[in-house]
Amino acid sequence: MNLNVYPLVPMQLAHSLNHDKDDPYLAKERNPCHWCRFQQWESNKMFPVSIVNKETNDTIDNNFVFIEKNIIREGVELADEEFQAGCECASSYNCMKGGCYCLEDVDISGKMENLSINAYHVVGRRKGCLRGEMLRSRMPIYECNKQCNCPEDCPNKVVSRGRQIPLQIFRTVTRGLRSTEDIKKGQFVGSYVGELITAEEANRRRAQSTKSQKKDVYLFALDKFTDPNSSDERLRGEPYEIDGEYFAGPTRFINHSCEPNLRIFAVVRDLANKPFHDLCFFALKEIPRFTELTFDYAGGVRGEEKGIDRMQEGMTRCLCGSKNCRNWLW
């Protein structure tokens, strides 16, 4: 990182240069330090996360905690390990076909027999990127997992292998996220993580927030498979939610745009835990390095489709500035 272009405030620079030194003063500061937390992440060794402020010395509040995985809160019960299972595929080739256990819930209607039904390209420059038909859809993605018999380099373990690009949180009007490397169309960018909570707890937190709509910016309902007729009772009621306000990963800083360059997909890596599927960002187009990453908070639903034709009390105005801006978020 060029410190002349993106200067760090003194405390940030001290941590950056003296992280491993046995200094009692730094030790006091190390626990809440965001840079120190990044250093503990395995993914940070090859694909680092950085924070830069070009014009100000303001920093991310130390009350906010960066995490890599969801924190399971009270009332959320994952399936017992005995119910978690993976495929028995002898080779990764089988993990692209209909016989793979992990792909048994994939909607194959309209697909020709013997064609690959997994979500990703498996060869060439786009290897590991979402196929075009998947990227244009809002279909869920099904992946293999650590319980599977297939090898670690299975082409159906993209999210499972983790983030493969460096990310940088930078100062915009608020804060934004970008990558210091080019991102390919269909490439996995990262997952939205936070506190995994019940619907009741999510509603309680909304009620406690001074502006419930502001709270909704950080709350994501895991409602992709919600079905009142589901055989899984966890899918019949209100969905669980992820709250990324105080505990989250770098993707928490992705801003809204009515013309986004990312889309969020539901990714299932364990059929026994469908109610707790991952929320993952993939690139909708080729994204040059240092371009701000954005996604559509409203999921692409235009105002007229929601019956919104004028300002109503309590609504949130959209300020994305894109050519086709809808004017309102919700």
Protein backbone atom coordinates (compact mmCIF):
# COMPACT_ATOMS: atom_id res chain seq x y z
CA MET A 1 0.00 0.00 0.00
CA ASN A 2 1.33 3.44 -0.92
CA LEU A 3 1.19 5.42 2.34
CA ASN A 4 1.81 8.67 0.45
CA VAL A 5 -1.41 8.20 -1.50
CA TYR A 6 -3.48 6.73 1.35
CA PRO A 7 -1.94 8.01 4.62
CA LEU A 8 -2.67 6.14 7.84
CA VAL A 9 -3.28 7.94 11.11
CA PRO A 10 -0.36 7.55 13.59
CA MET A 11 -1.93 4.76 15.66
CA GLN A 12 -2.80 2.79 12.53
CA LEU A 13 0.74 3.18 11.22
CA ALA A 14 2.19 2.07 14.56
CA HIS A 15 0.16 -1.12 14.46
CA SER A 16 1.05 -1.72 10.83
CA LEU A 17 4.80 -1.43 11.46
CA ASN A 18 5.05 -2.80 15.02
CA HIS A 19 2.39 -5.49 15.10
CA ASP A 20 4.66 -8.29 16.35
CA LYS A 21 6.77 -6.25 18.73
CA ASP A 22 6.53 -6.90 22.48
CA ASP A 23 5.44 -3.39 23.43
CA PRO A 24 3.14 -3.03 26.50
CA TYR A 25 1.61 0.15 25.10
CA LEU A 26 0.74 -1.50 21.80
CA ALA A 27 -0.54 -4.57 23.64
CA LYS A 28 -3.26 -2.44 25.25
CA GLU A 29 -4.35 -1.23 21.84
CA ARG A 30 -4.01 -4.52 20.00
CA ASN A 31 -7.28 -6.21 21.00
CA PRO A 32 -9.67 -3.60 19.55
CA CYS A 33 -7.40 -2.84 16.59
CA HIS A 34 -9.00 -3.77 13.26
CA TRP A 35 -5.62 -4.27 11.56
CA CYS A 36 -4.59 -6.73 14.27
CA ARG A 37 -7.79 -8.71 13.74
CA PHE A 38 -7.14 -8.92 10.01
CA GLN A 39 -3.69 -10.35 10.75
CA GLN A 40 -5.32 -13.28 12.54
CA TRP A 41 -7.30 -14.30 9.45
CA GLU A 42 -5.85 -17.11 7.35
CA SER A 43 -7.24 -15.47 4.19
CA ASN A 44 -5.43 -12.22 4.99
CA LYS A 45 -2.02 -13.77 4.25
CA MET A 46 -2.65 -13.98 0.51
CA PHE A 47 -5.66 -11.69 0.10
CA PRO A 48 -5.30 -8.88 2.63
CA VAL A 49 -7.97 -6.47 3.80
CA SER A 50 -6.86 -2.86 4.20
CA ILE A 51 -8.47 0.35 5.42
CA VAL A 52 -7.49 3.72 3.94
CA ASN A 53 -8.58 7.30 4.50
CA LYS A 54 -7.38 9.63 1.77
CA GLU A 55 -8.47 12.95 3.23
CA THR A 56 -9.44 12.39 6.88
CA ASN A 57 -8.05 10.79 10.01
CA ASP A 58 -11.38 9.34 11.05
CA THR A 59 -11.39 5.61 11.76
CA ILE A 60 -13.90 2.79 12.12
CA ASP A 61 -15.29 2.73 15.66
CA ASN A 62 -13.54 0.24 17.94
CA ASN A 63 -16.99 -0.93 19.10
CA PHE A 64 -17.29 -2.56 15.69
CA VAL A 65 -15.66 -6.00 15.42
CA PHE A 66 -14.46 -7.57 12.16
CA ILE A 67 -15.26 -11.29 11.89
CA GLU A 68 -14.81 -14.00 9.24
CA LYS A 69 -17.72 -16.28 10.19
CA ASN A 70 -21.21 -15.81 11.56
CA ILE A 71 -21.62 -15.61 15.32
CA ILE A 72 -24.43 -17.95 16.40
CA ARG A 73 -26.71 -16.24 18.92
CA GLU A 74 -29.31 -17.60 21.33
CA GLY A 75 -32.25 -19.43 19.77
CA VAL A 76 -30.36 -20.49 16.63
CA GLU A 77 -29.72 -24.23 16.47
CA LEU A 78 -27.78 -25.74 13.60
CA ALA A 79 -28.42 -29.33 12.58
CA ASP A 80 -26.55 -31.94 14.62
CA GLU A 81 -23.38 -33.22 12.97
CA GLU A 82 -24.97 -36.65 12.49
CA PHE A 83 -27.42 -35.04 10.05
CA GLN A 84 -24.72 -33.21 8.11
CA ALA A 85 -23.59 -35.07 5.04
CA GLY A 86 -21.59 -34.68 1.85
CA CYS A 87 -21.39 -36.38 -1.51
CA GLU A 88 -19.64 -39.68 -2.22
CA CYS A 89 -18.32 -38.58 -5.61
CA ALA A 90 -15.08 -40.36 -6.52
CA SER A 91 -13.87 -37.43 -8.63
CA SER A 92 -14.67 -33.76 -9.01
CA TYR A 93 -16.08 -34.51 -12.47
CA ASN A 94 -19.05 -36.20 -10.79
CA CYS A 95 -19.71 -33.02 -8.78
CA MET A 96 -20.88 -31.31 -11.95
CA LYS A 97 -23.61 -33.83 -12.71
CA GLY A 98 -27.01 -34.76 -11.38
CA GLY A 99 -25.74 -37.76 -9.44
CA CYS A 100 -23.93 -35.60 -6.86
CA TYR A 101 -25.72 -35.53 -3.49
CA CYS A 102 -24.89 -31.85 -2.99
CA LEU A 103 -26.67 -30.94 -6.25
CA GLU A 104 -29.85 -32.93 -5.67
CA ASP A 105 -31.92 -29.79 -4.99
CA VAL A 106 -30.75 -27.96 -8.13
CA ASP A 107 -33.63 -27.04 -10.43
CA ILE A 108 -32.78 -28.90 -13.65
CA SER A 109 -35.98 -28.03 -15.52
CA GLY A 110 -35.13 -26.96 -19.06
CA LYS A 111 -31.59 -28.38 -18.89
CA MET A 112 -30.43 -30.99 -21.39
CA GLU A 113 -29.48 -34.39 -20.03
CA ASN A 114 -25.77 -34.96 -19.30
CA LEU A 115 -25.01 -31.22 -19.22
CA SER A 116 -23.23 -29.83 -16.16
CA ILE A 117 -25.65 -28.50 -13.56
CA ASN A 118 -23.15 -27.03 -11.10
CA ALA A 119 -22.99 -23.23 -10.89
CA TYR A 120 -19.40 -22.56 -11.98
CA HIS A 121 -17.13 -22.62 -15.01
CA VAL A 122 -14.55 -25.37 -14.58
CA VAL A 123 -11.89 -24.48 -17.18
CA GLY A 124 -10.34 -21.43 -18.82
CA ARG A 125 -10.02 -17.82 -17.70
CA ARG A 126 -13.45 -17.90 -16.06
CA LYS A 127 -12.71 -21.02 -14.01
CA GLY A 128 -14.44 -20.68 -10.65
CA CYS A 129 -16.73 -17.89 -11.90
CA LEU A 130 -20.50 -18.22 -12.09
CA ARG A 131 -21.89 -19.44 -15.40
CA GLY A 132 -23.79 -16.82 -17.40
CA GLU A 133 -27.23 -18.34 -16.85
CA MET A 134 -26.65 -18.47 -13.10
CA LEU A 135 -25.36 -14.91 -12.95
CA ARG A 136 -28.44 -13.63 -14.76
CA SER A 137 -30.75 -15.55 -12.44
CA ARG A 138 -31.56 -15.34 -8.76
CA MET A 139 -31.33 -19.09 -8.30
CA PRO A 140 -29.62 -20.50 -5.21
CA ILE A 141 -26.14 -21.99 -5.57
CA TYR A 142 -25.39 -25.47 -4.21
CA GLU A 143 -21.83 -26.38 -3.25
CA CYS A 144 -19.92 -29.36 -1.92
CA ASN A 145 -18.59 -29.16 1.63
CA LYS A 146 -15.93 -30.48 4.02
CA GLN A 147 -17.94 -33.68 4.60
CA CYS A 148 -17.71 -34.61 0.92
CA ASN A 149 -15.56 -37.36 -0.53
CA CYS A 150 -14.53 -35.20 -3.51
CA PRO A 151 -11.06 -33.56 -3.53
CA GLU A 152 -10.28 -30.12 -2.10
CA ASP A 153 -9.84 -28.69 -5.60
CA CYS A 154 -13.38 -29.73 -6.57
CA PRO A 155 -14.80 -27.03 -8.90
CA ASN A 156 -17.94 -27.03 -6.78
CA LYS A 157 -16.14 -25.62 -3.70
CA VAL A 158 -15.70 -21.97 -4.67
CA VAL A 159 -17.24 -20.28 -1.63
CA SER A 160 -15.89 -23.07 0.57
CA ARG A 161 -12.33 -22.09 -0.39
CA GLY A 162 -12.98 -18.55 0.80
CA ARG A 163 -12.35 -15.09 -0.56
CA GLN A 164 -9.68 -15.00 -3.29
CA ILE A 165 -9.30 -11.24 -3.81
CA PRO A 166 -7.85 -8.44 -1.65
CA LEU A 167 -10.37 -5.91 -0.36
CA GLN A 168 -9.98 -2.31 0.70
CA ILE A 169 -12.33 -0.23 2.83
CA PHE A 170 -12.03 3.41 1.83
CA ARG A 171 -13.62 6.73 2.57
CA THR A 172 -16.52 7.90 0.39
CA VAL A 173 -19.37 10.08 1.71
CA THR A 174 -19.52 7.37 4.36
CA ARG A 175 -17.33 4.34 3.62
CA GLY A 176 -17.13 1.99 0.69
CA LEU A 177 -15.42 -1.19 -0.47
CA ARG A 178 -13.25 -1.92 -3.50
CA SER A 179 -10.56 -4.36 -4.58
CA THR A 180 -6.94 -3.55 -5.33
CA GLU A 181 -7.07 -6.14 -8.14
CA ASP A 182 -9.30 -6.56 -11.19
CA ILE A 183 -12.36 -8.73 -10.59
CA LYS A 184 -13.67 -11.08 -13.28
CA LYS A 185 -17.32 -11.28 -14.26
CA GLY A 186 -18.95 -13.98 -12.14
CA GLN A 187 -16.12 -14.06 -9.58
CA PHE A 188 -16.87 -14.63 -5.90
CA VAL A 189 -16.09 -11.46 -3.94
CA GLY A 190 -17.03 -12.33 -0.37
CA SER A 191 -19.79 -13.35 2.05
CA TYR A 192 -22.00 -11.21 4.27
CA VAL A 193 -21.44 -12.33 7.85
CA GLY A 194 -22.59 -11.07 11.22
CA GLU A 195 -24.68 -12.19 14.16
CA LEU A 196 -27.03 -15.03 13.19
CA ILE A 197 -30.25 -14.34 15.10
CA THR A 198 -33.90 -15.38 15.24
CA ALA A 199 -36.67 -13.35 13.61
CA GLU A 200 -37.93 -12.40 17.07
CA GLU A 201 -34.53 -11.03 18.06
CA ALA A 202 -34.26 -9.15 14.76
CA ASN A 203 -37.62 -7.47 15.37
CA ARG A 204 -36.57 -6.60 18.93
CA ARG A 205 -33.42 -4.94 17.62
CA ARG A 206 -35.41 -3.00 15.03
CA ALA A 207 -37.75 -1.74 17.75
CA GLN A 208 -34.79 -0.60 19.86
CA SER A 209 -33.14 1.23 16.97
CA THR A 210 -33.82 4.96 16.73
CA LYS A 211 -34.54 4.45 13.03
CA SER A 212 -35.73 0.96 12.18
CA GLN A 213 -35.07 1.54 8.48
CA LYS A 214 -31.44 2.38 9.25
CA LYS A 215 -31.22 -0.92 11.13
CA ASP A 216 -32.58 -2.73 8.08
CA VAL A 217 -29.45 -1.70 6.15
CA TYR A 218 -27.53 -4.22 8.27
CA LEU A 219 -30.18 -6.94 8.68
CA PHE A 220 -30.46 -9.64 5.99
CA ALA A 221 -33.28 -12.18 6.19
CA LEU A 222 -32.32 -15.74 5.21
CA ASP A 223 -35.63 -16.18 3.43
CA LYS A 224 -34.60 -17.82 0.14
CA PHE A 225 -36.17 -21.16 1.11
CA THR A 226 -38.94 -19.99 3.45
CA ASP A 227 -42.00 -22.14 2.73
CA PRO A 228 -45.06 -22.63 4.99
CA ASN A 229 -45.41 -26.16 3.56
CA SER A 230 -41.77 -27.20 4.03
CA SER A 231 -40.99 -30.50 5.75
CA ASP A 232 -38.29 -28.60 7.67
CA GLU A 233 -40.05 -26.74 10.48
CA ARG A 234 -37.22 -24.19 10.55
CA LEU A 235 -38.28 -23.08 7.06
CA ARG A 236 -41.99 -22.82 7.83
CA GLY A 237 -41.84 -19.80 10.13
CA GLU A 238 -40.23 -16.38 9.91
CA PRO A 239 -36.67 -16.63 8.58
CA TYR A 240 -33.52 -16.21 10.62
CA GLU A 241 -31.54 -13.02 9.99
CA ILE A 242 -27.93 -11.85 9.89
CA ASP A 243 -27.18 -8.60 11.70
CA GLY A 244 -23.96 -6.99 10.52
CA GLU A 245 -24.16 -3.68 12.36
CA TYR A 246 -21.61 -4.36 15.11
CA PHE A 247 -20.04 -7.68 14.03
CA ALA A 248 -19.34 -8.21 10.32
CA GLY A 249 -16.79 -8.71 7.57
CA PRO A 250 -15.52 -6.19 5.00
CA THR A 251 -18.58 -6.69 2.76
CA ARG A 252 -20.62 -4.85 5.39
CA PHE A 253 -19.21 -1.66 3.83
CA ILE A 254 -20.57 -2.31 0.31
CA ASN A 255 -22.82 0.60 -0.64
CA HIS A 256 -26.08 0.57 -2.59
CA SER A 257 -26.46 1.40 -6.27
CA CYS A 258 -29.48 1.11 -8.55
CA GLU A 259 -26.94 0.02 -11.21
CA PRO A 260 -24.76 -2.33 -9.15
CA ASN A 261 -21.70 -4.32 -10.17
CA LEU A 262 -22.39 -7.11 -7.63
CA ARG A 263 -25.33 -9.40 -6.88
CA ILE A 264 -25.97 -11.33 -3.70
CA PHE A 265 -26.80 -15.05 -3.97
CA ALA A 266 -27.98 -17.67 -1.49
CA VAL A 267 -25.33 -20.39 -1.30
CA VAL A 268 -26.09 -23.77 0.29
CA ARG A 269 -23.04 -25.72 1.45
CA ASP A 270 -24.92 -28.10 3.74
CA LEU A 271 -28.39 -29.37 2.81
CA ALA A 272 -29.11 -30.08 6.48
CA ASN A 273 -28.69 -26.39 7.27
CA LYS A 274 -30.59 -24.75 4.43
CA PRO A 275 -32.23 -22.22 6.79
CA PHE A 276 -28.75 -20.86 7.52
CA HIS A 277 -27.47 -20.57 3.95
CA ASP A 278 -24.62 -18.22 3.08
CA LEU A 279 -25.16 -14.80 1.52
CA CYS A 280 -22.46 -14.33 -1.11
CA PHE A 281 -21.51 -11.51 -3.47
CA PHE A 282 -20.57 -12.22 -7.10
CA ALA A 283 -19.45 -9.76 -9.78
CA LEU A 284 -22.06 -8.95 -12.44
CA LYS A 285 -19.43 -7.58 -14.83
CA GLU A 286 -15.69 -7.10 -15.24
CA ILE A 287 -14.69 -4.70 -12.46
CA PRO A 288 -11.40 -2.77 -12.79
CA ARG A 289 -9.25 -2.44 -9.68
CA PHE A 290 -10.11 0.44 -7.32
CA THR A 291 -13.70 0.60 -8.63
CA GLU A 292 -16.20 0.91 -5.80
CA LEU A 293 -18.18 -2.30 -5.25
CA THR A 294 -21.96 -1.90 -5.03
CA PHE A 295 -25.10 -4.00 -4.90
CA ASP A 296 -28.82 -3.26 -4.99
CA TYR A 297 -30.21 -3.13 -1.44
CA ALA A 298 -33.74 -3.44 -2.81
CA GLY A 299 -32.96 -6.44 -5.00
CA GLY A 300 -33.74 -4.65 -8.26
CA VAL A 301 -37.42 -3.97 -7.54
CA ARG A 302 -38.37 -0.65 -9.09
CA GLY A 303 -40.39 1.90 -7.17
CA GLU A 304 -43.45 1.61 -9.39
CA GLU A 305 -43.51 -2.15 -8.80
CA LYS A 306 -43.79 -1.43 -5.09
CA GLY A 307 -46.40 1.24 -5.59
CA ILE A 308 -43.97 4.03 -4.74
CA ASP A 309 -44.56 7.11 -6.83
CA ARG A 310 -43.83 9.94 -4.41
CA MET A 311 -42.11 10.68 -1.12
CA GLN A 312 -43.82 9.12 1.86
CA GLU A 313 -43.05 9.79 5.51
CA GLY A 314 -40.18 7.67 6.79
CA MET A 315 -38.98 6.55 3.36
CA THR A 316 -35.26 6.48 2.60
CA ARG A 317 -34.10 8.52 -0.39
CA CYS A 318 -31.56 6.89 -2.71
CA LEU A 319 -28.46 8.99 -3.36
CA CYS A 320 -26.53 6.55 -5.57
CA GLY A 321 -26.49 9.01 -8.48
CA SER A 322 -26.74 6.33 -11.17
CA LYS A 323 -28.43 7.13 -14.48
CA ASN A 324 -31.39 4.86 -13.72
CA CYS A 325 -31.68 5.70 -10.02
CA ARG A 326 -35.08 4.71 -8.55
CA ASN A 327 -34.94 7.68 -6.12
CA TRP A 328 -36.09 5.63 -3.12
CA LEU A 329 -34.61 2.62 -1.34
CA TRP A 330 -37.70 1.66 0.69
